[in-house]
Amino acid sequence: PWRYYRAASCNNFDQYIDNYYQFWHRLIPNKIIHKLFAPILDEV
């Protein structure tokens, strides 16, 4: 149930995607993922 609040409180589909997408970043914060993958960034 603690996951679903992102759905229950959304106003539109794009907001839902943004909220749920951020939650399902289970390993690396989005703001640094490209820094982490710098050695292969051109390929991805």
ModelCIF file with pLDDT and N, C-alpha, C, O atoms, coordinates in Angstrom:
data_MODEL
#
_entry.id   MODEL 
#
_entity.id                         1 
_entity.type                       polymer 
_entity.pdbx_number_of_molecules   1 
#
_entity_poly.entity_id                      1 
_entity_poly.type                           'polypeptide(L)' 
_entity_poly.nstd_linkage                   no 
_entity_poly.nstd_monomer                   no 
_entity_poly.pdbx_seq_one_letter_code       PWRYYRAASCNNFDQYIDNYYQFWHRLIPNKIIHKLFAPILDEV 
_entity_poly.pdbx_seq_one_letter_code_can   PWRYYRAASCNNFDQYIDNYYQFWHRLIPNKIIHKLFAPILDEV 
_entity_poly.pdbx_strand_id                 A 
#
loop_
_entity_poly_seq.entity_id 
_entity_poly_seq.num 
_entity_poly_seq.mon_id 
_entity_poly_seq.hetero 
1 1  PRO n 
1 2  TRP n 
1 3  ARG n 
1 4  TYR n 
1 5  TYR n 
1 6  ARG n 
1 7  ALA n 
1 8  ALA n 
1 9  SER n 
1 10 CYS n 
1 11 ASN n 
1 12 ASN n 
1 13 PHE n 
1 14 ASP n 
1 15 GLN n 
1 16 TYR n 
1 17 ILE n 
1 18 ASP n 
1 19 ASN n 
1 20 TYR n 
1 21 TYR n 
1 22 GLN n 
1 23 PHE n 
1 24 TRP n 
1 25 HIS n 
1 26 ARG n 
1 27 LEU n 
1 28 ILE n 
1 29 PRO n 
1 30 ASN n 
1 31 LYS n 
1 32 ILE n 
1 33 ILE n 
1 34 HIS n 
1 35 LYS n 
1 36 LEU n 
1 37 PHE n 
1 38 ALA n 
1 39 PRO n 
1 40 ILE n 
1 41 LEU n 
1 42 ASP n 
1 43 GLU n 
1 44 VAL n 
#
_struct_asym.id          A 
_struct_asym.entity_id   1 
#
loop_
_ma_qa_metric.id 
_ma_qa_metric.mode 
_ma_qa_metric.name 
_ma_qa_metric.software_group_id 
_ma_qa_metric.type 
1 global pLDDT . pLDDT 
2 local  pLDDT . pLDDT 
#
_ma_qa_metric_global.metric_id      1 
_ma_qa_metric_global.metric_value   87.32 
_ma_qa_metric_global.model_id       1 
_ma_qa_metric_global.ordinal_id     1 
#
loop_
_ma_qa_metric_local.label_asym_id 
_ma_qa_metric_local.label_comp_id 
_ma_qa_metric_local.label_seq_id 
_ma_qa_metric_local.metric_id 
_ma_qa_metric_local.metric_value 
_ma_qa_metric_local.model_id 
_ma_qa_metric_local.ordinal_id 
A PRO 1  2 87.00 1 1  
A TRP 2  2 83.00 1 2  
A ARG 3  2 84.00 1 3  
A TYR 4  2 82.00 1 4  
A TYR 5  2 72.00 1 5  
A ARG 6  2 71.00 1 6  
A ALA 7  2 75.00 1 7  
A ALA 8  2 76.00 1 8  
A SER 9  2 77.00 1 9  
A CYS 10 2 83.00 1 10 
A ASN 11 2 85.00 1 11 
A ASN 12 2 90.00 1 12 
A PHE 13 2 93.00 1 13 
A ASP 14 2 92.00 1 14 
A GLN 15 2 92.00 1 15 
A TYR 16 2 92.00 1 16 
A ILE 17 2 93.00 1 17 
A ASP 18 2 91.00 1 18 
A ASN 19 2 88.00 1 19 
A TYR 20 2 89.00 1 20 
A TYR 21 2 91.00 1 21 
A GLN 22 2 87.00 1 22 
A PHE 23 2 86.00 1 23 
A TRP 24 2 89.00 1 24 
A HIS 25 2 86.00 1 25 
A ARG 26 2 84.00 1 26 
A LEU 27 2 88.00 1 27 
A ILE 28 2 86.00 1 28 
A PRO 29 2 77.00 1 29 
A ASN 30 2 78.00 1 30 
A LYS 31 2 83.00 1 31 
A ILE 32 2 89.00 1 32 
A ILE 33 2 89.00 1 33 
A HIS 34 2 88.00 1 34 
A LYS 35 2 93.00 1 35 
A LEU 36 2 95.00 1 36 
A PHE 37 2 96.00 1 37 
A ALA 38 2 95.00 1 38 
A PRO 39 2 96.00 1 39 
A ILE 40 2 96.00 1 40 
A LEU 41 2 94.00 1 41 
A ASP 42 2 94.00 1 42 
A GLU 43 2 94.00 1 43 
A VAL 44 2 93.00 1 44 
#
loop_
_atom_site.group_PDB 
_atom_site.id 
_atom_site.type_symbol 
_atom_site.label_atom_id 
_atom_site.label_alt_id 
_atom_site.label_comp_id 
_atom_site.label_asym_id 
_atom_site.label_entity_id 
_atom_site.label_seq_id 
_atom_site.pdbx_PDB_ins_code 
_atom_site.Cartn_x 
_atom_site.Cartn_y 
_atom_site.Cartn_z 
_atom_site.occupancy 
_atom_site.B_iso_or_equiv 
_atom_site.pdbx_formal_charge 
_atom_site.auth_seq_id 
_atom_site.auth_comp_id 
_atom_site.auth_asym_id 
_atom_site.auth_atom_id 
_atom_site.pdbx_PDB_model_num 
ATOM 1   N N  . PRO A 1 1  ? 0.806  -1.239 0.000   1.00 87.00 ? 1  PRO A N  1 
ATOM 2   C CA . PRO A 1 1  ? 0.000  0.000  0.000   1.00 87.00 ? 1  PRO A CA 1 
ATOM 3   C C  . PRO A 1 1  ? 0.824  1.267  0.000   1.00 87.00 ? 1  PRO A C  1 
ATOM 4   O O  . PRO A 1 1  ? 0.382  2.284  -0.535  1.00 87.00 ? 1  PRO A O  1 
ATOM 5   N N  . TRP A 1 2  ? 2.036  1.238  0.597   1.00 83.00 ? 2  TRP A N  1 
ATOM 6   C CA . TRP A 1 2  ? 2.843  2.451  0.659   1.00 83.00 ? 2  TRP A CA 1 
ATOM 7   C C  . TRP A 1 2  ? 3.330  2.892  -0.723  1.00 83.00 ? 2  TRP A C  1 
ATOM 8   O O  . TRP A 1 2  ? 3.738  4.039  -0.902  1.00 83.00 ? 2  TRP A O  1 
ATOM 9   N N  . ARG A 1 3  ? 3.287  1.986  -1.693  1.00 84.00 ? 3  ARG A N  1 
ATOM 10  C CA . ARG A 1 3  ? 3.693  2.372  -3.050  1.00 84.00 ? 3  ARG A CA 1 
ATOM 11  C C  . ARG A 1 3  ? 2.574  3.102  -3.786  1.00 84.00 ? 3  ARG A C  1 
ATOM 12  O O  . ARG A 1 3  ? 2.839  3.909  -4.678  1.00 84.00 ? 3  ARG A O  1 
ATOM 13  N N  . TYR A 1 4  ? 1.332  2.826  -3.419  1.00 82.00 ? 4  TYR A N  1 
ATOM 14  C CA . TYR A 1 4  ? 0.224  3.258  -4.259  1.00 82.00 ? 4  TYR A CA 1 
ATOM 15  C C  . TYR A 1 4  ? -0.171 4.716  -4.062  1.00 82.00 ? 4  TYR A C  1 
ATOM 16  O O  . TYR A 1 4  ? -0.961 5.253  -4.838  1.00 82.00 ? 4  TYR A O  1 
ATOM 17  N N  . TYR A 1 5  ? 0.379  5.372  -3.013  1.00 72.00 ? 5  TYR A N  1 
ATOM 18  C CA . TYR A 1 5  ? -0.013 6.763  -2.803  1.00 72.00 ? 5  TYR A CA 1 
ATOM 19  C C  . TYR A 1 5  ? 0.373  7.618  -4.008  1.00 72.00 ? 5  TYR A C  1 
ATOM 20  O O  . TYR A 1 5  ? -0.266 8.632  -4.288  1.00 72.00 ? 5  TYR A O  1 
ATOM 21  N N  . ARG A 1 6  ? 1.425  7.201  -4.721  1.00 71.00 ? 6  ARG A N  1 
ATOM 22  C CA . ARG A 1 6  ? 1.848  7.951  -5.907  1.00 71.00 ? 6  ARG A CA 1 
ATOM 23  C C  . ARG A 1 6  ? 0.772  7.910  -6.975  1.00 71.00 ? 6  ARG A C  1 
ATOM 24  O O  . ARG A 1 6  ? 0.642  8.834  -7.777  1.00 71.00 ? 6  ARG A O  1 
ATOM 25  N N  . ALA A 1 7  ? -0.001 6.828  -6.979  1.00 75.00 ? 7  ALA A N  1 
ATOM 26  C CA . ALA A 1 7  ? -1.088 6.721  -7.933  1.00 75.00 ? 7  ALA A CA 1 
ATOM 27  C C  . ALA A 1 7  ? -2.330 7.450  -7.434  1.00 75.00 ? 7  ALA A C  1 
ATOM 28  O O  . ALA A 1 7  ? -2.974 8.192  -8.176  1.00 75.00 ? 7  ALA A O  1 
ATOM 29  N N  . ALA A 1 8  ? -2.655 7.225  -6.164  1.00 76.00 ? 8  ALA A N  1 
ATOM 30  C CA . ALA A 1 8  ? -3.909 7.759  -5.626  1.00 76.00 ? 8  ALA A CA 1 
ATOM 31  C C  . ALA A 1 8  ? -3.947 9.275  -5.630  1.00 76.00 ? 8  ALA A C  1 
ATOM 32  O O  . ALA A 1 8  ? -5.024 9.868  -5.678  1.00 76.00 ? 8  ALA A O  1 
ATOM 33  N N  . SER A 1 9  ? -2.786 9.908  -5.580  1.00 77.00 ? 9  SER A N  1 
ATOM 34  C CA . SER A 1 9  ? -2.752 11.363 -5.453  1.00 77.00 ? 9  SER A CA 1 
ATOM 35  C C  . SER A 1 9  ? -2.389 12.078 -6.749  1.00 77.00 ? 9  SER A C  1 
ATOM 36  O O  . SER A 1 9  ? -2.087 13.271 -6.720  1.00 77.00 ? 9  SER A O  1 
ATOM 37  N N  . CYS A 1 10 ? -2.411 11.378 -7.893  1.00 83.00 ? 10 CYS A N  1 
ATOM 38  C CA . CYS A 1 10 ? -2.015 12.007 -9.161  1.00 83.00 ? 10 CYS A CA 1 
ATOM 39  C C  . CYS A 1 10 ? -3.185 12.743 -9.810  1.00 83.00 ? 10 CYS A C  1 
ATOM 40  O O  . CYS A 1 10 ? -4.347 12.375 -9.643  1.00 83.00 ? 10 CYS A O  1 
ATOM 41  N N  . ASN A 1 11 ? -2.837 13.806 -10.561 1.00 85.00 ? 11 ASN A N  1 
ATOM 42  C CA . ASN A 1 11 ? -3.843 14.598 -11.254 1.00 85.00 ? 11 ASN A CA 1 
ATOM 43  C C  . ASN A 1 11 ? -3.961 14.245 -12.727 1.00 85.00 ? 11 ASN A C  1 
ATOM 44  O O  . ASN A 1 11 ? -5.001 14.485 -13.341 1.00 85.00 ? 11 ASN A O  1 
ATOM 45  N N  . ASN A 1 12 ? -2.894 13.672 -13.308 1.00 90.00 ? 12 ASN A N  1 
ATOM 46  C CA . ASN A 1 12 ? -2.928 13.280 -14.710 1.00 90.00 ? 12 ASN A CA 1 
ATOM 47  C C  . ASN A 1 12 ? -1.902 12.179 -14.948 1.00 90.00 ? 12 ASN A C  1 
ATOM 48  O O  . ASN A 1 12 ? -1.099 11.860 -14.072 1.00 90.00 ? 12 ASN A O  1 
ATOM 49  N N  . PHE A 1 13 ? -1.941 11.607 -16.138 1.00 93.00 ? 13 PHE A N  1 
ATOM 50  C CA . PHE A 1 13 ? -1.110 10.449 -16.425 1.00 93.00 ? 13 PHE A CA 1 
ATOM 51  C C  . PHE A 1 13 ? 0.377  10.787 -16.426 1.00 93.00 ? 13 PHE A C  1 
ATOM 52  O O  . PHE A 1 13 ? 1.189  9.995  -15.949 1.00 93.00 ? 13 PHE A O  1 
ATOM 53  N N  . ASP A 1 14 ? 0.741  11.946 -16.952 1.00 92.00 ? 14 ASP A N  1 
ATOM 54  C CA . ASP A 1 14 ? 2.153  12.334 -16.963 1.00 92.00 ? 14 ASP A CA 1 
ATOM 55  C C  . ASP A 1 14 ? 2.700  12.482 -15.545 1.00 92.00 ? 14 ASP A C  1 
ATOM 56  O O  . ASP A 1 14 ? 3.832  12.086 -15.268 1.00 92.00 ? 14 ASP A O  1 
ATOM 57  N N  . GLN A 1 15 ? 1.906  13.045 -14.659 1.00 92.00 ? 15 GLN A N  1 
ATOM 58  C CA . GLN A 1 15 ? 2.336  13.159 -13.266 1.00 92.00 ? 15 GLN A CA 1 
ATOM 59  C C  . GLN A 1 15 ? 2.496  11.780 -12.643 1.00 92.00 ? 15 GLN A C  1 
ATOM 60  O O  . GLN A 1 15 ? 3.437  11.530 -11.889 1.00 92.00 ? 15 GLN A O  1 
ATOM 61  N N  . TYR A 1 16 ? 1.570  10.894 -12.965 1.00 92.00 ? 16 TYR A N  1 
ATOM 62  C CA . TYR A 1 16 ? 1.664  9.524  -12.475 1.00 92.00 ? 16 TYR A CA 1 
ATOM 63  C C  . TYR A 1 16 ? 2.957  8.865  -12.942 1.00 92.00 ? 16 TYR A C  1 
ATOM 64  O O  . TYR A 1 16 ? 3.665  8.248  -12.146 1.00 92.00 ? 16 TYR A O  1 
ATOM 65  N N  . ILE A 1 17 ? 3.265  8.994  -14.228 1.00 93.00 ? 17 ILE A N  1 
ATOM 66  C CA . ILE A 1 17 ? 4.493  8.405  -14.779 1.00 93.00 ? 17 ILE A CA 1 
ATOM 67  C C  . ILE A 1 17 ? 5.714  9.000  -14.078 1.00 93.00 ? 17 ILE A C  1 
ATOM 68  O O  . ILE A 1 17 ? 6.623  8.264  -13.694 1.00 93.00 ? 17 ILE A O  1 
ATOM 69  N N  . ASP A 1 18 ? 5.742  10.297 -13.910 1.00 91.00 ? 18 ASP A N  1 
ATOM 70  C CA . ASP A 1 18 ? 6.890  10.934 -13.251 1.00 91.00 ? 18 ASP A CA 1 
ATOM 71  C C  . ASP A 1 18 ? 7.068  10.431 -11.825 1.00 91.00 ? 18 ASP A C  1 
ATOM 72  O O  . ASP A 1 18 ? 8.179  10.088 -11.419 1.00 91.00 ? 18 ASP A O  1 
ATOM 73  N N  . ASN A 1 19 ? 5.992  10.385 -11.073 1.00 88.00 ? 19 ASN A N  1 
ATOM 74  C CA . ASN A 1 19 ? 6.073  9.959  -9.673  1.00 88.00 ? 19 ASN A CA 1 
ATOM 75  C C  . ASN A 1 19 ? 6.503  8.500  -9.543  1.00 88.00 ? 19 ASN A C  1 
ATOM 76  O O  . ASN A 1 19 ? 7.388  8.169  -8.754  1.00 88.00 ? 19 ASN A O  1 
ATOM 77  N N  . TYR A 1 20 ? 5.875  7.649  -10.316 1.00 89.00 ? 20 TYR A N  1 
ATOM 78  C CA . TYR A 1 20 ? 6.179  6.227  -10.216 1.00 89.00 ? 20 TYR A CA 1 
ATOM 79  C C  . TYR A 1 20 ? 7.555  5.914  -10.785 1.00 89.00 ? 20 TYR A C  1 
ATOM 80  O O  . TYR A 1 20 ? 8.266  5.050  -10.272 1.00 89.00 ? 20 TYR A O  1 
ATOM 81  N N  . TYR A 1 21 ? 7.923  6.615  -11.841 1.00 91.00 ? 21 TYR A N  1 
ATOM 82  C CA . TYR A 1 21 ? 9.251  6.430  -12.430 1.00 91.00 ? 21 TYR A CA 1 
ATOM 83  C C  . TYR A 1 21 ? 10.335 6.765  -11.420 1.00 91.00 ? 21 TYR A C  1 
ATOM 84  O O  . TYR A 1 21 ? 11.306 6.020  -11.293 1.00 91.00 ? 21 TYR A O  1 
ATOM 85  N N  . GLN A 1 22 ? 10.192 7.853  -10.711 1.00 87.00 ? 22 GLN A N  1 
ATOM 86  C CA . GLN A 1 22 ? 11.193 8.232  -9.712  1.00 87.00 ? 22 GLN A CA 1 
ATOM 87  C C  . GLN A 1 22 ? 11.263 7.189  -8.592  1.00 87.00 ? 22 GLN A C  1 
ATOM 88  O O  . GLN A 1 22 ? 12.349 6.870  -8.109  1.00 87.00 ? 22 GLN A O  1 
ATOM 89  N N  . PHE A 1 23 ? 10.121 6.667  -8.184  1.00 86.00 ? 23 PHE A N  1 
ATOM 90  C CA . PHE A 1 23 ? 10.119 5.678  -7.116  1.00 86.00 ? 23 PHE A CA 1 
ATOM 91  C C  . PHE A 1 23 ? 10.847 4.404  -7.527  1.00 86.00 ? 23 PHE A C  1 
ATOM 92  O O  . PHE A 1 23 ? 11.561 3.804  -6.724  1.00 86.00 ? 23 PHE A O  1 
ATOM 93  N N  . TRP A 1 24 ? 10.663 3.991  -8.789  1.00 89.00 ? 24 TRP A N  1 
ATOM 94  C CA . TRP A 1 24 ? 11.243 2.736  -9.230  1.00 89.00 ? 24 TRP A CA 1 
ATOM 95  C C  . TRP A 1 24 ? 12.700 2.858  -9.656  1.00 89.00 ? 24 TRP A C  1 
ATOM 96  O O  . TRP A 1 24 ? 13.254 1.925  -10.236 1.00 89.00 ? 24 TRP A O  1 
ATOM 97  N N  . HIS A 1 25 ? 13.326 3.997  -9.376  1.00 86.00 ? 25 HIS A N  1 
ATOM 98  C CA . HIS A 1 25 ? 14.783 4.092  -9.434  1.00 86.00 ? 25 HIS A CA 1 
ATOM 99  C C  . HIS A 1 25 ? 15.317 3.419  -8.177  1.00 86.00 ? 25 HIS A C  1 
ATOM 100 O O  . HIS A 1 25 ? 15.626 4.094  -7.195  1.00 86.00 ? 25 HIS A O  1 
ATOM 101 N N  . ARG A 1 26 ? 15.423 2.119  -8.201  1.00 84.00 ? 26 ARG A N  1 
ATOM 102 C CA . ARG A 1 26 ? 15.715 1.363  -6.987  1.00 84.00 ? 26 ARG A CA 1 
ATOM 103 C C  . ARG A 1 26 ? 17.182 1.404  -6.603  1.00 84.00 ? 26 ARG A C  1 
ATOM 104 O O  . ARG A 1 26 ? 17.516 1.124  -5.452  1.00 84.00 ? 26 ARG A O  1 
ATOM 105 N N  . LEU A 1 27 ? 18.069 1.743  -7.527  1.00 88.00 ? 27 LEU A N  1 
ATOM 106 C CA . LEU A 1 27 ? 19.490 1.606  -7.246  1.00 88.00 ? 27 LEU A CA 1 
ATOM 107 C C  . LEU A 1 27 ? 20.259 2.922  -7.229  1.00 88.00 ? 27 LEU A C  1 
ATOM 108 O O  . LEU A 1 27 ? 21.017 3.180  -6.294  1.00 88.00 ? 27 LEU A O  1 
ATOM 109 N N  . ILE A 1 28 ? 20.075 3.751  -8.244  1.00 86.00 ? 28 ILE A N  1 
ATOM 110 C CA . ILE A 1 28 ? 20.913 4.940  -8.411  1.00 86.00 ? 28 ILE A CA 1 
ATOM 111 C C  . ILE A 1 28 ? 20.025 6.159  -8.633  1.00 86.00 ? 28 ILE A C  1 
ATOM 112 O O  . ILE A 1 28 ? 19.137 6.115  -9.484  1.00 86.00 ? 28 ILE A O  1 
ATOM 113 N N  . PRO A 1 29 ? 20.236 7.233  -7.901  1.00 77.00 ? 29 PRO A N  1 
ATOM 114 C CA . PRO A 1 29 ? 19.463 8.458  -8.134  1.00 77.00 ? 29 PRO A CA 1 
ATOM 115 C C  . PRO A 1 29 ? 19.613 8.934  -9.577  1.00 77.00 ? 29 PRO A C  1 
ATOM 116 O O  . PRO A 1 29 ? 20.712 8.915  -10.132 1.00 77.00 ? 29 PRO A O  1 
ATOM 117 N N  . ASN A 1 30 ? 18.522 9.351  -10.171 1.00 78.00 ? 30 ASN A N  1 
ATOM 118 C CA . ASN A 1 30 ? 18.520 9.743  -11.582 1.00 78.00 ? 30 ASN A CA 1 
ATOM 119 C C  . ASN A 1 30 ? 19.518 10.862 -11.879 1.00 78.00 ? 30 ASN A C  1 
ATOM 120 O O  . ASN A 1 30 ? 20.085 10.926 -12.970 1.00 78.00 ? 30 ASN A O  1 
ATOM 121 N N  . LYS A 1 31 ? 19.725 11.744 -10.896 1.00 83.00 ? 31 LYS A N  1 
ATOM 122 C CA . LYS A 1 31 ? 20.583 12.905 -11.131 1.00 83.00 ? 31 LYS A CA 1 
ATOM 123 C C  . LYS A 1 31 ? 22.057 12.543 -11.296 1.00 83.00 ? 31 LYS A C  1 
ATOM 124 O O  . LYS A 1 31 ? 22.833 13.347 -11.812 1.00 83.00 ? 31 LYS A O  1 
ATOM 125 N N  . ILE A 1 32 ? 22.452 11.343 -10.865 1.00 89.00 ? 32 ILE A N  1 
ATOM 126 C CA . ILE A 1 32 ? 23.866 10.983 -10.994 1.00 89.00 ? 32 ILE A CA 1 
ATOM 127 C C  . ILE A 1 32 ? 24.101 9.755  -11.869 1.00 89.00 ? 32 ILE A C  1 
ATOM 128 O O  . ILE A 1 32 ? 25.242 9.322  -12.034 1.00 89.00 ? 32 ILE A O  1 
ATOM 129 N N  . ILE A 1 33 ? 23.031 9.191  -12.432 1.00 89.00 ? 33 ILE A N  1 
ATOM 130 C CA . ILE A 1 33 ? 23.219 7.940  -13.165 1.00 89.00 ? 33 ILE A CA 1 
ATOM 131 C C  . ILE A 1 33 ? 24.107 8.142  -14.394 1.00 89.00 ? 33 ILE A C  1 
ATOM 132 O O  . ILE A 1 33 ? 24.878 7.255  -14.760 1.00 89.00 ? 33 ILE A O  1 
ATOM 133 N N  . HIS A 1 34 ? 23.995 9.314  -15.031 1.00 88.00 ? 34 HIS A N  1 
ATOM 134 C CA . HIS A 1 34 ? 24.837 9.553  -16.205 1.00 88.00 ? 34 HIS A CA 1 
ATOM 135 C C  . HIS A 1 34 ? 26.285 9.810  -15.808 1.00 88.00 ? 34 HIS A C  1 
ATOM 136 O O  . HIS A 1 34 ? 27.201 9.499  -16.570 1.00 88.00 ? 34 HIS A O  1 
ATOM 137 N N  . LYS A 1 35 ? 26.496 10.370 -14.632 1.00 93.00 ? 35 LYS A N  1 
ATOM 138 C CA . LYS A 1 35 ? 27.870 10.523 -14.143 1.00 93.00 ? 35 LYS A CA 1 
ATOM 139 C C  . LYS A 1 35 ? 28.481 9.155  -13.874 1.00 93.00 ? 35 LYS A C  1 
ATOM 140 O O  . LYS A 1 35 ? 29.649 8.914  -14.179 1.00 93.00 ? 35 LYS A O  1 
ATOM 141 N N  . LEU A 1 36 ? 27.686 8.271  -13.305 1.00 95.00 ? 36 LEU A N  1 
ATOM 142 C CA . LEU A 1 36 ? 28.181 6.943  -12.985 1.00 95.00 ? 36 LEU A CA 1 
ATOM 143 C C  . LEU A 1 36 ? 28.560 6.177  -14.250 1.00 95.00 ? 36 LEU A C  1 
ATOM 144 O O  . LEU A 1 36 ? 29.559 5.458  -14.265 1.00 95.00 ? 36 LEU A O  1 
ATOM 145 N N  . PHE A 1 37 ? 27.774 6.327  -15.301 1.00 96.00 ? 37 PHE A N  1 
ATOM 146 C CA . PHE A 1 37 ? 28.025 5.596  -16.540 1.00 96.00 ? 37 PHE A CA 1 
ATOM 147 C C  . PHE A 1 37 ? 28.826 6.410  -17.550 1.00 96.00 ? 37 PHE A C  1 
ATOM 148 O O  . PHE A 1 37 ? 28.724 6.184  -18.756 1.00 96.00 ? 37 PHE A O  1 
ATOM 149 N N  . ALA A 1 38 ? 29.612 7.343  -17.065 1.00 95.00 ? 38 ALA A N  1 
ATOM 150 C CA . ALA A 1 38 ? 30.419 8.195  -17.947 1.00 95.00 ? 38 ALA A CA 1 
ATOM 151 C C  . ALA A 1 38 ? 31.301 7.398  -18.916 1.00 95.00 ? 38 ALA A C  1 
ATOM 152 O O  . ALA A 1 38 ? 31.406 7.800  -20.075 1.00 95.00 ? 38 ALA A O  1 
ATOM 153 N N  . PRO A 1 39 ? 31.935 6.300  -18.515 1.00 96.00 ? 39 PRO A N  1 
ATOM 154 C CA . PRO A 1 39 ? 32.801 5.566  -19.453 1.00 96.00 ? 39 PRO A CA 1 
ATOM 155 C C  . PRO A 1 39 ? 32.076 5.037  -20.693 1.00 96.00 ? 39 PRO A C  1 
ATOM 156 O O  . PRO A 1 39 ? 32.715 4.819  -21.723 1.00 96.00 ? 39 PRO A O  1 
ATOM 157 N N  . ILE A 1 40 ? 30.773 4.827  -20.620 1.00 96.00 ? 40 ILE A N  1 
ATOM 158 C CA . ILE A 1 40 ? 30.045 4.293  -21.778 1.00 96.00 ? 40 ILE A CA 1 
ATOM 159 C C  . ILE A 1 40 ? 28.916 5.223  -22.214 1.00 96.00 ? 40 ILE A C  1 
ATOM 160 O O  . ILE A 1 40 ? 28.018 4.816  -22.951 1.00 96.00 ? 40 ILE A O  1 
ATOM 161 N N  . LEU A 1 41 ? 28.966 6.467  -21.757 1.00 94.00 ? 41 LEU A N  1 
ATOM 162 C CA . LEU A 1 41 ? 27.843 7.376  -21.980 1.00 94.00 ? 41 LEU A CA 1 
ATOM 163 C C  . LEU A 1 41 ? 27.550 7.582  -23.459 1.00 94.00 ? 41 LEU A C  1 
ATOM 164 O O  . LEU A 1 41 ? 26.386 7.657  -23.851 1.00 94.00 ? 41 LEU A O  1 
ATOM 165 N N  . ASP A 1 42 ? 28.581 7.674  -24.279 1.00 94.00 ? 42 ASP A N  1 
ATOM 166 C CA . ASP A 1 42 ? 28.350 7.877  -25.710 1.00 94.00 ? 42 ASP A CA 1 
ATOM 167 C C  . ASP A 1 42 ? 27.580 6.722  -26.329 1.00 94.00 ? 42 ASP A C  1 
ATOM 168 O O  . ASP A 1 42 ? 26.863 6.905  -27.313 1.00 94.00 ? 42 ASP A O  1 
ATOM 169 N N  . GLU A 1 43 ? 27.727 5.528  -25.754 1.00 94.00 ? 43 GLU A N  1 
ATOM 170 C CA . GLU A 1 43 ? 27.066 4.350  -26.318 1.00 94.00 ? 43 GLU A CA 1 
ATOM 171 C C  . GLU A 1 43 ? 25.640 4.168  -25.802 1.00 94.00 ? 43 GLU A C  1 
ATOM 172 O O  . GLU A 1 43 ? 24.870 3.397  -26.376 1.00 94.00 ? 43 GLU A O  1 
ATOM 173 N N  . VAL A 1 44 ? 25.285 4.863  -24.735 1.00 93.00 ? 44 VAL A N  1 
ATOM 174 C CA . VAL A 1 44 ? 23.930 4.714  -24.176 1.00 93.00 ? 44 VAL A CA 1 
ATOM 175 C C  . VAL A 1 44 ? 23.190 6.051  -24.124 1.00 93.00 ? 44 VAL A C  1 
ATOM 176 O O  . VAL A 1 44 ? 22.043 6.106  -23.682 1.00 93.00 ? 44 VAL A O  1 
#
